[in-house]
Amino acid sequence: MQRRVGIVGDFDRGNRTHLATNDALGDVGLELEWVSTEAIGDDPVTRLRPYAALWIAPASPYRSMDGALAAIRYARERGVPLVGT
């Protein structure tokens, strides 16, 4: 079973909620990877396909609101589990 979660957001080590997100997902044994909103670009399918689920990170504004919205649309249209905080 794939347990890899893509965290959509622009990671900032100074943001306590980002660190808490890493700790929480790590504590339950999920593999996680931060996906910059800018990295989603015009091809969210290719960029987000490796993940079993997506987590929309707290602490907007995002560098690319279009990238964040593309990730949400990708999950909604493909039945990919999605959590937004």
N, C-alpha and C. Protein backbone atom coordinates (compact mmCIF):
# COMPACT_ATOMS: atom_id res chain seq x y z
N MET A 1 0.84 -1.19 0.00
CA MET A 1 0.00 0.00 0.00
C MET A 1 0.88 1.25 0.00
N GLN A 2 0.60 2.14 -0.91
CA GLN A 2 1.36 3.38 -0.99
C GLN A 2 0.96 4.29 0.17
N ARG A 3 1.95 4.79 0.90
CA ARG A 3 1.69 5.64 2.05
C ARG A 3 2.42 6.97 1.93
N ARG A 4 2.65 7.40 0.72
CA ARG A 4 3.39 8.63 0.47
C ARG A 4 2.41 9.80 0.33
N VAL A 5 2.63 10.83 1.14
CA VAL A 5 1.75 12.00 1.15
C VAL A 5 2.52 13.20 0.61
N GLY A 6 1.91 13.89 -0.34
CA GLY A 6 2.47 15.14 -0.84
C GLY A 6 1.88 16.30 -0.06
N ILE A 7 2.74 17.07 0.57
CA ILE A 7 2.28 18.25 1.31
C ILE A 7 2.46 19.45 0.39
N VAL A 8 1.34 20.00 -0.05
CA VAL A 8 1.36 21.11 -1.00
C VAL A 8 1.47 22.41 -0.22
N GLY A 9 2.58 23.08 -0.39
CA GLY A 9 2.82 24.34 0.31
C GLY A 9 4.27 24.74 0.15
N ASP A 10 4.60 25.86 0.68
CA ASP A 10 5.94 26.41 0.53
C ASP A 10 6.63 26.37 1.89
N PHE A 11 7.35 25.26 2.12
CA PHE A 11 7.93 24.97 3.43
C PHE A 11 8.80 26.10 3.94
N ASP A 12 8.60 26.40 5.22
CA ASP A 12 9.36 27.44 5.90
C ASP A 12 9.73 26.89 7.28
N ARG A 13 11.03 26.67 7.51
CA ARG A 13 11.49 26.12 8.79
C ARG A 13 11.10 27.00 9.98
N GLY A 14 10.85 28.27 9.74
CA GLY A 14 10.46 29.18 10.81
C GLY A 14 8.97 29.13 11.14
N ASN A 15 8.22 28.34 10.40
CA ASN A 15 6.77 28.25 10.61
C ASN A 15 6.47 27.03 11.48
N ARG A 16 5.98 27.27 12.68
CA ARG A 16 5.71 26.17 13.62
C ARG A 16 4.68 25.18 13.08
N THR A 17 3.71 25.66 12.33
CA THR A 17 2.71 24.72 11.80
C THR A 17 3.31 23.79 10.76
N HIS A 18 4.29 24.25 10.01
CA HIS A 18 4.95 23.37 9.04
C HIS A 18 5.74 22.28 9.76
N LEU A 19 6.43 22.66 10.82
CA LEU A 19 7.19 21.68 11.59
C LEU A 19 6.25 20.68 12.26
N ALA A 20 5.13 21.16 12.77
CA ALA A 20 4.16 20.28 13.42
C ALA A 20 3.54 19.31 12.42
N THR A 21 3.32 19.77 11.20
CA THR A 21 2.79 18.89 10.15
C THR A 21 3.77 17.76 9.88
N ASN A 22 5.05 18.08 9.76
CA ASN A 22 6.07 17.05 9.56
C ASN A 22 6.06 16.04 10.71
N ASP A 23 6.02 16.54 11.93
CA ASP A 23 6.04 15.66 13.10
C ASP A 23 4.82 14.76 13.14
N ALA A 24 3.65 15.32 12.89
CA ALA A 24 2.41 14.55 12.99
C ALA A 24 2.36 13.43 11.94
N LEU A 25 2.69 13.76 10.71
CA LEU A 25 2.64 12.73 9.66
C LEU A 25 3.74 11.70 9.85
N GLY A 26 4.89 12.14 10.31
CA GLY A 26 5.98 11.21 10.58
C GLY A 26 5.65 10.26 11.72
N ASP A 27 4.95 10.76 12.74
CA ASP A 27 4.59 9.94 13.90
C ASP A 27 3.64 8.81 13.54
N VAL A 28 2.85 8.96 12.49
CA VAL A 28 1.92 7.89 12.10
C VAL A 28 2.51 7.01 10.99
N GLY A 29 3.77 7.21 10.69
CA GLY A 29 4.47 6.33 9.77
C GLY A 29 4.25 6.61 8.30
N LEU A 30 3.84 7.83 7.98
CA LEU A 30 3.65 8.17 6.57
C LEU A 30 4.92 8.78 6.00
N GLU A 31 5.22 8.42 4.78
CA GLU A 31 6.31 9.07 4.06
C GLU A 31 5.76 10.37 3.51
N LEU A 32 6.48 11.46 3.71
CA LEU A 32 5.97 12.74 3.25
C LEU A 32 7.01 13.48 2.44
N GLU A 33 6.50 14.32 1.57
CA GLU A 33 7.36 15.17 0.75
C GLU A 33 6.63 16.48 0.52
N TRP A 34 7.34 17.58 0.76
CA TRP A 34 6.77 18.89 0.48
C TRP A 34 6.84 19.16 -1.01
N VAL A 35 5.75 19.68 -1.55
CA VAL A 35 5.66 20.03 -2.97
C VAL A 35 5.40 21.53 -3.04
N SER A 36 6.37 22.27 -3.50
CA SER A 36 6.21 23.71 -3.64
C SER A 36 5.06 24.02 -4.58
N THR A 37 4.28 25.03 -4.23
CA THR A 37 3.17 25.40 -5.10
C THR A 37 3.67 25.84 -6.48
N GLU A 38 4.86 26.40 -6.52
CA GLU A 38 5.43 26.81 -7.81
C GLU A 38 5.83 25.60 -8.66
N ALA A 39 6.17 24.48 -8.01
CA ALA A 39 6.62 23.29 -8.74
C ALA A 39 5.49 22.55 -9.43
N ILE A 40 4.25 22.83 -9.04
CA ILE A 40 3.11 22.12 -9.64
C ILE A 40 2.92 22.56 -11.08
N GLY A 41 3.09 23.84 -11.32
CA GLY A 41 3.10 24.37 -12.68
C GLY A 41 1.89 24.01 -13.51
N ASP A 42 2.14 23.84 -14.80
CA ASP A 42 1.06 23.58 -15.76
C ASP A 42 0.73 22.10 -15.90
N ASP A 43 1.48 21.23 -15.21
CA ASP A 43 1.26 19.79 -15.35
C ASP A 43 1.12 19.13 -13.98
N PRO A 44 0.03 19.42 -13.27
CA PRO A 44 -0.13 18.84 -11.93
C PRO A 44 -0.22 17.32 -11.94
N VAL A 45 -0.71 16.73 -13.02
CA VAL A 45 -0.83 15.27 -13.07
C VAL A 45 0.54 14.62 -12.91
N THR A 46 1.50 15.07 -13.68
CA THR A 46 2.84 14.50 -13.61
C THR A 46 3.48 14.75 -12.24
N ARG A 47 3.32 15.95 -11.72
CA ARG A 47 3.97 16.31 -10.46
C ARG A 47 3.34 15.64 -9.25
N LEU A 48 2.02 15.39 -9.29
CA LEU A 48 1.32 14.89 -8.10
C LEU A 48 1.00 13.39 -8.16
N ARG A 49 1.18 12.76 -9.28
CA ARG A 49 0.87 11.34 -9.44
C ARG A 49 1.57 10.43 -8.42
N PRO A 50 2.79 10.73 -7.97
CA PRO A 50 3.48 9.82 -7.04
C PRO A 50 2.85 9.70 -5.65
N TYR A 51 1.86 10.52 -5.33
CA TYR A 51 1.35 10.57 -3.97
C TYR A 51 0.00 9.87 -3.83
N ALA A 52 -0.14 9.13 -2.73
CA ALA A 52 -1.40 8.45 -2.42
C ALA A 52 -2.43 9.42 -1.89
N ALA A 53 -1.97 10.54 -1.34
CA ALA A 53 -2.86 11.55 -0.77
C ALA A 53 -2.14 12.90 -0.80
N LEU A 54 -2.93 13.96 -0.69
CA LEU A 54 -2.36 15.31 -0.64
C LEU A 54 -2.84 16.01 0.62
N TRP A 55 -1.96 16.83 1.15
CA TRP A 55 -2.25 17.65 2.33
C TRP A 55 -1.95 19.08 1.92
N ILE A 56 -2.95 19.95 1.98
CA ILE A 56 -2.73 21.35 1.65
C ILE A 56 -2.27 22.04 2.93
N ALA A 57 -1.02 22.48 2.92
CA ALA A 57 -0.39 23.00 4.13
C ALA A 57 -1.00 24.33 4.57
N PRO A 58 -0.94 24.58 5.87
CA PRO A 58 -1.37 25.89 6.38
C PRO A 58 -0.34 26.96 6.02
N ALA A 59 -0.69 28.18 6.30
CA ALA A 59 0.22 29.33 6.18
C ALA A 59 0.25 29.91 4.78
N SER A 60 -0.89 30.31 4.29
CA SER A 60 -0.91 31.06 3.05
C SER A 60 -0.52 32.50 3.38
N PRO A 61 -0.17 33.35 2.47
CA PRO A 61 -0.35 33.14 1.04
C PRO A 61 0.72 32.21 0.47
N TYR A 62 0.32 31.46 -0.52
CA TYR A 62 1.24 30.57 -1.20
C TYR A 62 1.99 31.36 -2.27
N ARG A 63 3.17 30.88 -2.62
CA ARG A 63 3.92 31.54 -3.70
C ARG A 63 3.12 31.48 -5.00
N SER A 64 2.40 30.36 -5.19
CA SER A 64 1.56 30.23 -6.37
C SER A 64 0.18 29.73 -5.95
N MET A 65 -0.77 30.64 -5.86
CA MET A 65 -2.13 30.23 -5.54
C MET A 65 -2.67 29.33 -6.65
N ASP A 66 -2.28 29.59 -7.89
CA ASP A 66 -2.71 28.73 -9.00
C ASP A 66 -2.22 27.30 -8.80
N GLY A 67 -0.99 27.14 -8.30
CA GLY A 67 -0.46 25.81 -8.04
C GLY A 67 -1.24 25.10 -6.94
N ALA A 68 -1.56 25.82 -5.87
CA ALA A 68 -2.34 25.23 -4.78
C ALA A 68 -3.72 24.81 -5.27
N LEU A 69 -4.37 25.66 -6.04
CA LEU A 69 -5.70 25.33 -6.57
C LEU A 69 -5.64 24.18 -7.57
N ALA A 70 -4.56 24.10 -8.35
CA ALA A 70 -4.41 22.99 -9.29
C ALA A 70 -4.28 21.67 -8.54
N ALA A 71 -3.60 21.67 -7.40
CA ALA A 71 -3.48 20.45 -6.59
C ALA A 71 -4.84 20.02 -6.05
N ILE A 72 -5.62 20.97 -5.58
CA ILE A 72 -6.96 20.66 -5.07
C ILE A 72 -7.83 20.10 -6.19
N ARG A 73 -7.78 20.72 -7.35
CA ARG A 73 -8.55 20.26 -8.50
C ARG A 73 -8.12 18.86 -8.91
N TYR A 74 -6.81 18.62 -8.94
CA TYR A 74 -6.27 17.31 -9.29
C TYR A 74 -6.85 16.24 -8.36
N ALA A 75 -6.82 16.49 -7.07
CA ALA A 75 -7.32 15.51 -6.10
C ALA A 75 -8.83 15.29 -6.27
N ARG A 76 -9.56 16.36 -6.40
CA ARG A 76 -11.02 16.27 -6.53
C ARG A 76 -11.42 15.48 -7.77
N GLU A 77 -10.77 15.73 -8.88
CA GLU A 77 -11.16 15.09 -10.14
C GLU A 77 -10.71 13.64 -10.25
N ARG A 78 -9.76 13.23 -9.41
CA ARG A 78 -9.22 11.87 -9.49
C ARG A 78 -9.52 11.03 -8.25
N GLY A 79 -10.26 11.57 -7.31
CA GLY A 79 -10.60 10.82 -6.11
C GLY A 79 -9.42 10.58 -5.18
N VAL A 80 -8.43 11.46 -5.24
CA VAL A 80 -7.26 11.35 -4.37
C VAL A 80 -7.62 11.96 -3.01
N PRO A 81 -7.38 11.25 -1.91
CA PRO A 81 -7.67 11.82 -0.60
C PRO A 81 -6.94 13.16 -0.41
N LEU A 82 -7.65 14.12 0.17
CA LEU A 82 -7.13 15.47 0.32
C LEU A 82 -7.53 16.02 1.68
N VAL A 83 -6.56 16.62 2.36
CA VAL A 83 -6.82 17.32 3.62
C VAL A 83 -6.35 18.75 3.43
N GLY A 84 -7.16 19.69 3.82
CA GLY A 84 -6.77 21.10 3.79
C GLY A 84 -6.81 21.65 5.19
N THR A 85 -5.76 22.38 5.57
CA THR A 85 -5.72 22.94 6.92
C THR A 85 -5.63 24.44 6.87
